[in-house]
Amino acid sequence: MVAFGFGAGLLKPAPGTWGTLLGWLLWVAVVSRLSDDGIALVLAASFAYGCWACHRTGRELGRADDGGMVWDEIVAIWLVLWFMPDSLIAQAVAFVVFRFFDIIKPPPIAYFDARLKNGFGVMWDDILAAGYSLLVLAILVRLGVFN
C-alpha cells in the first residue's frame, strides 16, 4: 500500500503525477504543519521506509521499479515543498518543475535510474530530481518570482 501511494500509483495515465499530487496534498494537510525538525525526521524515516517498501514490492512484482510505485514521488515532493514559499503559486510551480525533472531524468538521474535496481534506486532518482528542482526553484525565489 505504501509503495503504491495508498492507491494513487494505480491511477492512469501518469501514475507518477498522481503520486506527486497525493504528496502535495499530504504536505498541505499533514507534513507542512510539523516543525522543521519534525519534517526532517519524517523525510528521513519516509526515505528509509520507502527504500525497504519499494524493494520488497518490486521483488514481489518481479519489476524492480514498477511504474505504480509512487512513494518515491511523494517523499521527493515533500523535500521540494519544504524549501518553497508557502503559497499556492510557488507550490504549483514546484510541482511542475519537479515533474519535469522526474520525467526527463537529466544526468546523473538517468544513470542511477538505469543501474540501481532496488528500493534505494527507486527512491534515489527522485531525490536527485528534487535536487535539480530545488536549484531551479532557488533561482526563481532569488529573482523574486514568488513575491
N, C-alpha and C. Protein backbone atom coordinates (compact mmCIF):
# COMPACT_ATOMS: atom_id res chain seq x y z
N MET A 1 0.82 -1.21 0.00
CA MET A 1 0.00 0.00 0.00
C MET A 1 0.87 1.27 0.00
N VAL A 2 1.91 1.27 0.80
CA VAL A 2 2.76 2.46 0.88
C VAL A 2 3.48 2.69 -0.45
N ALA A 3 4.12 1.66 -0.99
CA ALA A 3 4.87 1.82 -2.24
C ALA A 3 3.98 2.35 -3.35
N PHE A 4 2.72 1.93 -3.38
CA PHE A 4 1.78 2.38 -4.40
C PHE A 4 1.02 3.64 -3.98
N GLY A 5 1.52 4.34 -2.98
CA GLY A 5 0.92 5.62 -2.58
C GLY A 5 -0.54 5.48 -2.19
N PHE A 6 -0.85 4.39 -1.44
CA PHE A 6 -2.21 4.15 -0.97
C PHE A 6 -3.23 4.10 -2.12
N GLY A 7 -2.73 3.67 -3.28
CA GLY A 7 -3.59 3.51 -4.45
C GLY A 7 -3.39 4.57 -5.53
N ALA A 8 -2.72 5.67 -5.21
CA ALA A 8 -2.50 6.73 -6.21
C ALA A 8 -1.70 6.21 -7.40
N GLY A 9 -0.81 5.28 -7.16
CA GLY A 9 0.01 4.73 -8.23
C GLY A 9 -0.75 3.84 -9.19
N LEU A 10 -1.97 3.50 -8.84
CA LEU A 10 -2.80 2.67 -9.72
C LEU A 10 -3.61 3.52 -10.70
N LEU A 11 -3.63 4.83 -10.49
CA LEU A 11 -4.39 5.72 -11.38
C LEU A 11 -3.65 5.89 -12.70
N LYS A 12 -4.40 5.92 -13.78
CA LYS A 12 -3.84 6.08 -15.12
C LYS A 12 -4.49 7.27 -15.78
N PRO A 13 -3.84 7.93 -16.69
CA PRO A 13 -2.43 7.78 -17.04
C PRO A 13 -1.55 8.50 -16.03
N ALA A 14 -0.24 8.35 -16.21
CA ALA A 14 0.78 9.07 -15.44
C ALA A 14 0.68 8.85 -13.93
N PRO A 15 0.90 7.62 -13.46
CA PRO A 15 0.82 7.37 -12.03
C PRO A 15 1.79 8.20 -11.20
N GLY A 16 2.95 8.53 -11.76
CA GLY A 16 3.90 9.38 -11.03
C GLY A 16 3.35 10.76 -10.75
N THR A 17 2.59 11.28 -11.68
CA THR A 17 1.97 12.59 -11.48
C THR A 17 0.89 12.50 -10.41
N TRP A 18 0.11 11.44 -10.44
CA TRP A 18 -0.90 11.24 -9.39
C TRP A 18 -0.25 11.08 -8.02
N GLY A 19 0.87 10.34 -7.97
CA GLY A 19 1.59 10.18 -6.71
C GLY A 19 2.13 11.50 -6.20
N THR A 20 2.66 12.33 -7.11
CA THR A 20 3.17 13.64 -6.72
C THR A 20 2.03 14.52 -6.22
N LEU A 21 0.89 14.43 -6.87
CA LEU A 21 -0.28 15.20 -6.42
C LEU A 21 -0.70 14.77 -5.02
N LEU A 22 -0.71 13.45 -4.77
CA LEU A 22 -1.02 12.97 -3.41
C LEU A 22 0.01 13.50 -2.42
N GLY A 23 1.28 13.48 -2.81
CA GLY A 23 2.32 14.02 -1.93
C GLY A 23 2.08 15.47 -1.60
N TRP A 24 1.68 16.25 -2.59
CA TRP A 24 1.38 17.66 -2.36
C TRP A 24 0.21 17.81 -1.39
N LEU A 25 -0.83 17.04 -1.59
CA LEU A 25 -1.99 17.11 -0.69
C LEU A 25 -1.61 16.70 0.74
N LEU A 26 -0.81 15.65 0.87
CA LEU A 26 -0.34 15.23 2.20
C LEU A 26 0.54 16.29 2.84
N TRP A 27 1.32 16.98 2.00
CA TRP A 27 2.16 18.07 2.50
C TRP A 27 1.27 19.15 3.13
N VAL A 28 0.27 19.58 2.39
CA VAL A 28 -0.61 20.66 2.86
C VAL A 28 -1.38 20.22 4.11
N ALA A 29 -1.88 19.00 4.11
CA ALA A 29 -2.74 18.54 5.20
C ALA A 29 -1.98 18.13 6.46
N VAL A 30 -0.77 17.59 6.30
CA VAL A 30 -0.10 17.00 7.45
C VAL A 30 1.34 17.49 7.63
N VAL A 31 2.18 17.21 6.67
CA VAL A 31 3.63 17.37 6.85
C VAL A 31 4.03 18.82 7.09
N SER A 32 3.45 19.75 6.36
CA SER A 32 3.83 21.16 6.50
C SER A 32 3.53 21.73 7.88
N ARG A 33 2.69 21.06 8.63
CA ARG A 33 2.29 21.55 9.95
C ARG A 33 3.32 21.18 11.04
N LEU A 34 4.30 20.36 10.67
CA LEU A 34 5.34 19.95 11.61
C LEU A 34 6.42 21.02 11.72
N SER A 35 7.22 20.94 12.78
CA SER A 35 8.39 21.81 12.91
C SER A 35 9.43 21.37 11.87
N ASP A 36 10.43 22.19 11.65
CA ASP A 36 11.50 21.79 10.71
C ASP A 36 12.16 20.50 11.15
N ASP A 37 12.38 20.33 12.45
CA ASP A 37 12.97 19.08 12.94
C ASP A 37 12.04 17.90 12.65
N GLY A 38 10.74 18.11 12.82
CA GLY A 38 9.77 17.06 12.54
C GLY A 38 9.75 16.71 11.07
N ILE A 39 9.80 17.72 10.21
CA ILE A 39 9.82 17.47 8.77
C ILE A 39 11.07 16.69 8.39
N ALA A 40 12.22 17.09 8.92
CA ALA A 40 13.47 16.38 8.61
C ALA A 40 13.37 14.92 9.05
N LEU A 41 12.80 14.68 10.21
CA LEU A 41 12.64 13.32 10.71
C LEU A 41 11.68 12.52 9.83
N VAL A 42 10.56 13.13 9.44
CA VAL A 42 9.59 12.45 8.57
C VAL A 42 10.24 12.13 7.22
N LEU A 43 10.99 13.07 6.67
CA LEU A 43 11.66 12.83 5.39
C LEU A 43 12.66 11.67 5.48
N ALA A 44 13.49 11.70 6.51
CA ALA A 44 14.49 10.63 6.67
C ALA A 44 13.82 9.27 6.87
N ALA A 45 12.83 9.23 7.74
CA ALA A 45 12.13 7.96 8.01
C ALA A 45 11.36 7.50 6.78
N SER A 46 10.72 8.42 6.07
CA SER A 46 9.95 8.06 4.89
C SER A 46 10.86 7.58 3.76
N PHE A 47 12.04 8.18 3.63
CA PHE A 47 13.00 7.72 2.63
C PHE A 47 13.47 6.30 2.97
N ALA A 48 13.87 6.09 4.21
CA ALA A 48 14.36 4.76 4.63
C ALA A 48 13.26 3.72 4.47
N TYR A 49 12.07 4.03 4.94
CA TYR A 49 10.97 3.08 4.82
C TYR A 49 10.63 2.83 3.35
N GLY A 50 10.69 3.88 2.54
CA GLY A 50 10.43 3.75 1.11
C GLY A 50 11.43 2.85 0.42
N CYS A 51 12.69 2.93 0.81
CA CYS A 51 13.71 2.02 0.24
C CYS A 51 13.30 0.58 0.50
N TRP A 52 12.90 0.28 1.72
CA TRP A 52 12.50 -1.08 2.07
C TRP A 52 11.20 -1.47 1.35
N ALA A 53 10.19 -0.62 1.43
CA ALA A 53 8.88 -0.94 0.86
C ALA A 53 8.95 -1.11 -0.66
N CYS A 54 9.67 -0.23 -1.33
CA CYS A 54 9.78 -0.32 -2.79
C CYS A 54 10.63 -1.52 -3.21
N HIS A 55 11.66 -1.83 -2.44
CA HIS A 55 12.47 -3.01 -2.74
C HIS A 55 11.62 -4.28 -2.63
N ARG A 56 10.91 -4.38 -1.54
CA ARG A 56 10.09 -5.57 -1.31
C ARG A 56 8.96 -5.68 -2.35
N THR A 57 8.30 -4.57 -2.63
CA THR A 57 7.22 -4.58 -3.61
C THR A 57 7.75 -4.92 -5.00
N GLY A 58 8.86 -4.31 -5.38
CA GLY A 58 9.46 -4.60 -6.68
C GLY A 58 9.86 -6.05 -6.82
N ARG A 59 10.42 -6.62 -5.75
CA ARG A 59 10.81 -8.02 -5.76
C ARG A 59 9.58 -8.92 -5.91
N GLU A 60 8.52 -8.62 -5.18
CA GLU A 60 7.31 -9.43 -5.26
C GLU A 60 6.61 -9.32 -6.61
N LEU A 61 6.71 -8.15 -7.26
CA LEU A 61 6.09 -7.96 -8.56
C LEU A 61 6.96 -8.48 -9.71
N GLY A 62 8.26 -8.68 -9.41
CA GLY A 62 9.19 -9.08 -10.46
C GLY A 62 9.61 -7.92 -11.34
N ARG A 63 9.36 -6.70 -10.89
CA ARG A 63 9.76 -5.47 -11.60
C ARG A 63 10.34 -4.52 -10.56
N ALA A 64 11.66 -4.32 -10.63
CA ALA A 64 12.34 -3.54 -9.60
C ALA A 64 11.78 -2.14 -9.43
N ASP A 65 11.34 -1.51 -10.52
CA ASP A 65 10.83 -0.14 -10.44
C ASP A 65 9.51 -0.05 -11.20
N ASP A 66 8.51 -0.74 -10.70
CA ASP A 66 7.19 -0.71 -11.31
C ASP A 66 6.66 0.72 -11.31
N GLY A 67 6.05 1.14 -12.41
CA GLY A 67 5.54 2.50 -12.55
C GLY A 67 4.48 2.87 -11.53
N GLY A 68 3.82 1.88 -10.95
CA GLY A 68 2.80 2.15 -9.95
C GLY A 68 3.36 2.50 -8.58
N MET A 69 4.64 2.24 -8.37
CA MET A 69 5.25 2.60 -7.09
C MET A 69 5.53 4.10 -7.11
N VAL A 70 4.83 4.85 -6.27
CA VAL A 70 4.93 6.31 -6.28
C VAL A 70 5.37 6.90 -4.95
N TRP A 71 5.73 6.06 -3.99
CA TRP A 71 6.20 6.59 -2.71
C TRP A 71 7.41 7.48 -2.92
N ASP A 72 8.23 7.17 -3.92
CA ASP A 72 9.40 7.98 -4.22
C ASP A 72 9.02 9.40 -4.62
N GLU A 73 7.98 9.55 -5.43
CA GLU A 73 7.50 10.89 -5.79
C GLU A 73 6.94 11.63 -4.58
N ILE A 74 6.24 10.92 -3.73
CA ILE A 74 5.64 11.54 -2.55
C ILE A 74 6.71 12.13 -1.65
N VAL A 75 7.73 11.35 -1.33
CA VAL A 75 8.80 11.82 -0.44
C VAL A 75 9.59 12.94 -1.10
N ALA A 76 9.88 12.80 -2.39
CA ALA A 76 10.68 13.82 -3.08
C ALA A 76 9.94 15.16 -3.15
N ILE A 77 8.63 15.14 -3.41
CA ILE A 77 7.91 16.42 -3.48
C ILE A 77 7.84 17.07 -2.09
N TRP A 78 7.81 16.26 -1.03
CA TRP A 78 7.87 16.84 0.32
C TRP A 78 9.18 17.60 0.49
N LEU A 79 10.28 17.03 0.03
CA LEU A 79 11.58 17.70 0.13
C LEU A 79 11.55 19.03 -0.61
N VAL A 80 11.02 19.03 -1.81
CA VAL A 80 10.94 20.26 -2.61
C VAL A 80 10.05 21.30 -1.92
N LEU A 81 8.88 20.89 -1.50
CA LEU A 81 7.93 21.84 -0.90
C LEU A 81 8.43 22.41 0.42
N TRP A 82 9.26 21.67 1.13
CA TRP A 82 9.81 22.13 2.40
C TRP A 82 10.56 23.46 2.22
N PHE A 83 11.21 23.62 1.08
CA PHE A 83 12.03 24.81 0.86
C PHE A 83 11.34 25.88 0.01
N MET A 84 10.07 25.68 -0.27
CA MET A 84 9.33 26.64 -1.09
C MET A 84 8.55 27.62 -0.22
N PRO A 85 8.33 28.83 -0.76
CA PRO A 85 7.43 29.75 -0.05
C PRO A 85 6.06 29.10 0.11
N ASP A 86 5.38 29.48 1.15
CA ASP A 86 4.08 28.88 1.47
C ASP A 86 2.96 29.58 0.71
N SER A 87 2.97 29.41 -0.61
CA SER A 87 1.90 29.99 -1.43
C SER A 87 1.49 28.96 -2.47
N LEU A 88 0.25 29.04 -2.90
CA LEU A 88 -0.28 28.11 -3.89
C LEU A 88 0.50 28.20 -5.20
N ILE A 89 0.84 29.40 -5.63
CA ILE A 89 1.57 29.58 -6.89
C ILE A 89 2.95 28.94 -6.79
N ALA A 90 3.67 29.22 -5.70
CA ALA A 90 5.02 28.65 -5.53
C ALA A 90 4.95 27.12 -5.49
N GLN A 91 3.98 26.58 -4.81
CA GLN A 91 3.85 25.13 -4.72
C GLN A 91 3.46 24.52 -6.06
N ALA A 92 2.61 25.19 -6.81
CA ALA A 92 2.22 24.69 -8.13
C ALA A 92 3.41 24.69 -9.09
N VAL A 93 4.22 25.74 -9.04
CA VAL A 93 5.43 25.80 -9.87
C VAL A 93 6.39 24.70 -9.44
N ALA A 94 6.53 24.49 -8.14
CA ALA A 94 7.39 23.43 -7.63
C ALA A 94 6.92 22.06 -8.13
N PHE A 95 5.63 21.84 -8.14
CA PHE A 95 5.04 20.59 -8.64
C PHE A 95 5.44 20.37 -10.10
N VAL A 96 5.27 21.39 -10.94
CA VAL A 96 5.57 21.27 -12.37
C VAL A 96 7.06 21.07 -12.60
N VAL A 97 7.90 21.84 -11.90
CA VAL A 97 9.35 21.72 -12.07
C VAL A 97 9.82 20.34 -11.64
N PHE A 98 9.31 19.84 -10.51
CA PHE A 98 9.70 18.51 -10.06
C PHE A 98 9.28 17.44 -11.07
N ARG A 99 8.04 17.51 -11.55
CA ARG A 99 7.57 16.51 -12.54
C ARG A 99 8.44 16.55 -13.79
N PHE A 100 8.83 17.75 -14.23
CA PHE A 100 9.69 17.89 -15.40
C PHE A 100 10.98 17.10 -15.21
N PHE A 101 11.69 17.33 -14.10
CA PHE A 101 12.96 16.65 -13.88
C PHE A 101 12.78 15.16 -13.62
N ASP A 102 11.68 14.78 -12.98
CA ASP A 102 11.43 13.36 -12.74
C ASP A 102 11.16 12.62 -14.05
N ILE A 103 10.52 13.27 -14.99
CA ILE A 103 10.21 12.64 -16.28
C ILE A 103 11.42 12.68 -17.22
N ILE A 104 12.09 13.82 -17.32
CA ILE A 104 13.20 13.99 -18.26
C ILE A 104 14.45 13.21 -17.82
N LYS A 105 14.69 13.15 -16.54
CA LYS A 105 15.83 12.43 -15.95
C LYS A 105 17.17 12.84 -16.55
N PRO A 106 17.56 14.12 -16.36
CA PRO A 106 18.88 14.54 -16.85
C PRO A 106 20.00 13.83 -16.08
N PRO A 107 21.21 13.79 -16.65
CA PRO A 107 22.32 13.15 -15.93
C PRO A 107 22.54 13.83 -14.58
N PRO A 108 22.88 13.13 -13.56
CA PRO A 108 23.11 11.69 -13.47
C PRO A 108 21.86 10.88 -13.09
N ILE A 109 20.68 11.50 -13.14
CA ILE A 109 19.47 10.77 -12.75
C ILE A 109 19.28 9.53 -13.60
N ALA A 110 19.39 9.66 -14.91
CA ALA A 110 19.19 8.52 -15.81
C ALA A 110 20.22 7.42 -15.53
N TYR A 111 21.44 7.81 -15.20
CA TYR A 111 22.49 6.84 -14.88
C TYR A 111 22.07 5.98 -13.69
N PHE A 112 21.68 6.63 -12.61
CA PHE A 112 21.28 5.88 -11.41
C PHE A 112 19.99 5.10 -11.64
N ASP A 113 19.06 5.68 -12.38
CA ASP A 113 17.80 5.01 -12.67
C ASP A 113 18.04 3.70 -13.43
N ALA A 114 19.02 3.71 -14.33
CA ALA A 114 19.31 2.51 -15.13
C ALA A 114 20.11 1.47 -14.36
N ARG A 115 20.88 1.88 -13.38
CA ARG A 115 21.81 0.95 -12.72
C ARG A 115 21.39 0.47 -11.33
N LEU A 116 20.65 1.27 -10.61
CA LEU A 116 20.26 0.88 -9.26
C LEU A 116 18.87 0.26 -9.30
N LYS A 117 18.83 -1.04 -9.35
CA LYS A 117 17.55 -1.75 -9.47
C LYS A 117 17.17 -2.38 -8.13
N ASN A 118 16.90 -1.51 -7.17
CA ASN A 118 16.47 -1.94 -5.84
C ASN A 118 15.67 -0.79 -5.23
N GLY A 119 15.24 -0.96 -4.02
CA GLY A 119 14.44 0.08 -3.37
C GLY A 119 15.17 1.40 -3.24
N PHE A 120 16.46 1.34 -2.94
CA PHE A 120 17.23 2.58 -2.86
C PHE A 120 17.24 3.28 -4.21
N GLY A 121 17.42 2.54 -5.28
CA GLY A 121 17.42 3.12 -6.62
C GLY A 121 16.10 3.78 -6.97
N VAL A 122 15.00 3.12 -6.58
CA VAL A 122 13.67 3.69 -6.82
C VAL A 122 13.56 5.05 -6.14
N MET A 123 14.01 5.12 -4.90
CA MET A 123 13.90 6.36 -4.14
C MET A 123 14.93 7.41 -4.57
N TRP A 124 16.15 6.98 -4.87
CA TRP A 124 17.27 7.88 -5.11
C TRP A 124 17.08 8.76 -6.34
N ASP A 125 16.59 8.20 -7.44
CA ASP A 125 16.47 9.02 -8.65
C ASP A 125 15.47 10.16 -8.45
N ASP A 126 14.46 9.97 -7.61
CA ASP A 126 13.51 11.05 -7.35
C ASP A 126 14.10 12.10 -6.41
N ILE A 127 14.96 11.69 -5.51
CA ILE A 127 15.65 12.66 -4.65
C ILE A 127 16.57 13.52 -5.50
N LEU A 128 17.23 12.92 -6.50
CA LEU A 128 18.05 13.70 -7.42
C LEU A 128 17.21 14.67 -8.23
N ALA A 129 16.03 14.22 -8.69
CA ALA A 129 15.12 15.12 -9.41
C ALA A 129 14.68 16.27 -8.49
N ALA A 130 14.49 15.97 -7.21
CA ALA A 130 14.16 17.03 -6.24
C ALA A 130 15.32 18.01 -6.13
N GLY A 131 16.54 17.51 -6.15
CA GLY A 131 17.72 18.39 -6.09
C GLY A 131 17.78 19.34 -7.27
N TYR A 132 17.59 18.83 -8.48
CA TYR A 132 17.53 19.69 -9.66
C TYR A 132 16.42 20.72 -9.52
N SER A 133 15.28 20.27 -9.06
CA SER A 133 14.14 21.17 -8.88
C SER A 133 14.47 22.29 -7.90
N LEU A 134 15.10 21.92 -6.81
CA LEU A 134 15.44 22.93 -5.80
C LEU A 134 16.42 23.96 -6.34
N LEU A 135 17.34 23.54 -7.20
CA LEU A 135 18.27 24.51 -7.80
C LEU A 135 17.52 25.52 -8.67
N VAL A 136 16.65 25.03 -9.52
CA VAL A 136 15.87 25.93 -10.39
C VAL A 136 14.96 26.82 -9.56
N LEU A 137 14.29 26.24 -8.58
CA LEU A 137 13.36 27.00 -7.76
C LEU A 137 14.07 28.03 -6.89
N ALA A 138 15.29 27.73 -6.44
CA ALA A 138 16.06 28.70 -5.67
C ALA A 138 16.37 29.92 -6.52
N ILE A 139 16.67 29.71 -7.80
CA ILE A 139 16.91 30.83 -8.70
C ILE A 139 15.64 31.67 -8.85
N LEU A 140 14.50 31.00 -9.02
CA LEU A 140 13.23 31.72 -9.15
C LEU A 140 12.90 32.51 -7.88
N VAL A 141 13.16 31.91 -6.72
CA VAL A 141 12.93 32.62 -5.45
C VAL A 141 13.85 33.83 -5.36
N ARG A 142 15.11 33.65 -5.70
CA ARG A 142 16.09 34.73 -5.65
C ARG A 142 15.72 35.88 -6.59
N LEU A 143 15.16 35.53 -7.74
CA LEU A 143 14.73 36.54 -8.71
C LEU A 143 13.43 37.22 -8.31
N GLY A 144 12.82 36.77 -7.23
CA GLY A 144 11.60 37.40 -6.72
C GLY A 144 10.33 36.98 -7.46
N VAL A 145 10.38 35.84 -8.14
CA VAL A 145 9.23 35.40 -8.92
C VAL A 145 8.00 35.17 -8.04
N PHE A 146 8.19 34.78 -6.80
CA PHE A 146 7.07 34.42 -5.94
C PHE A 146 6.68 35.53 -4.97
N ASN A 147 7.19 36.74 -5.18
CA ASN A 147 6.84 37.86 -4.29
C ASN A 147 5.58 38.54 -4.73
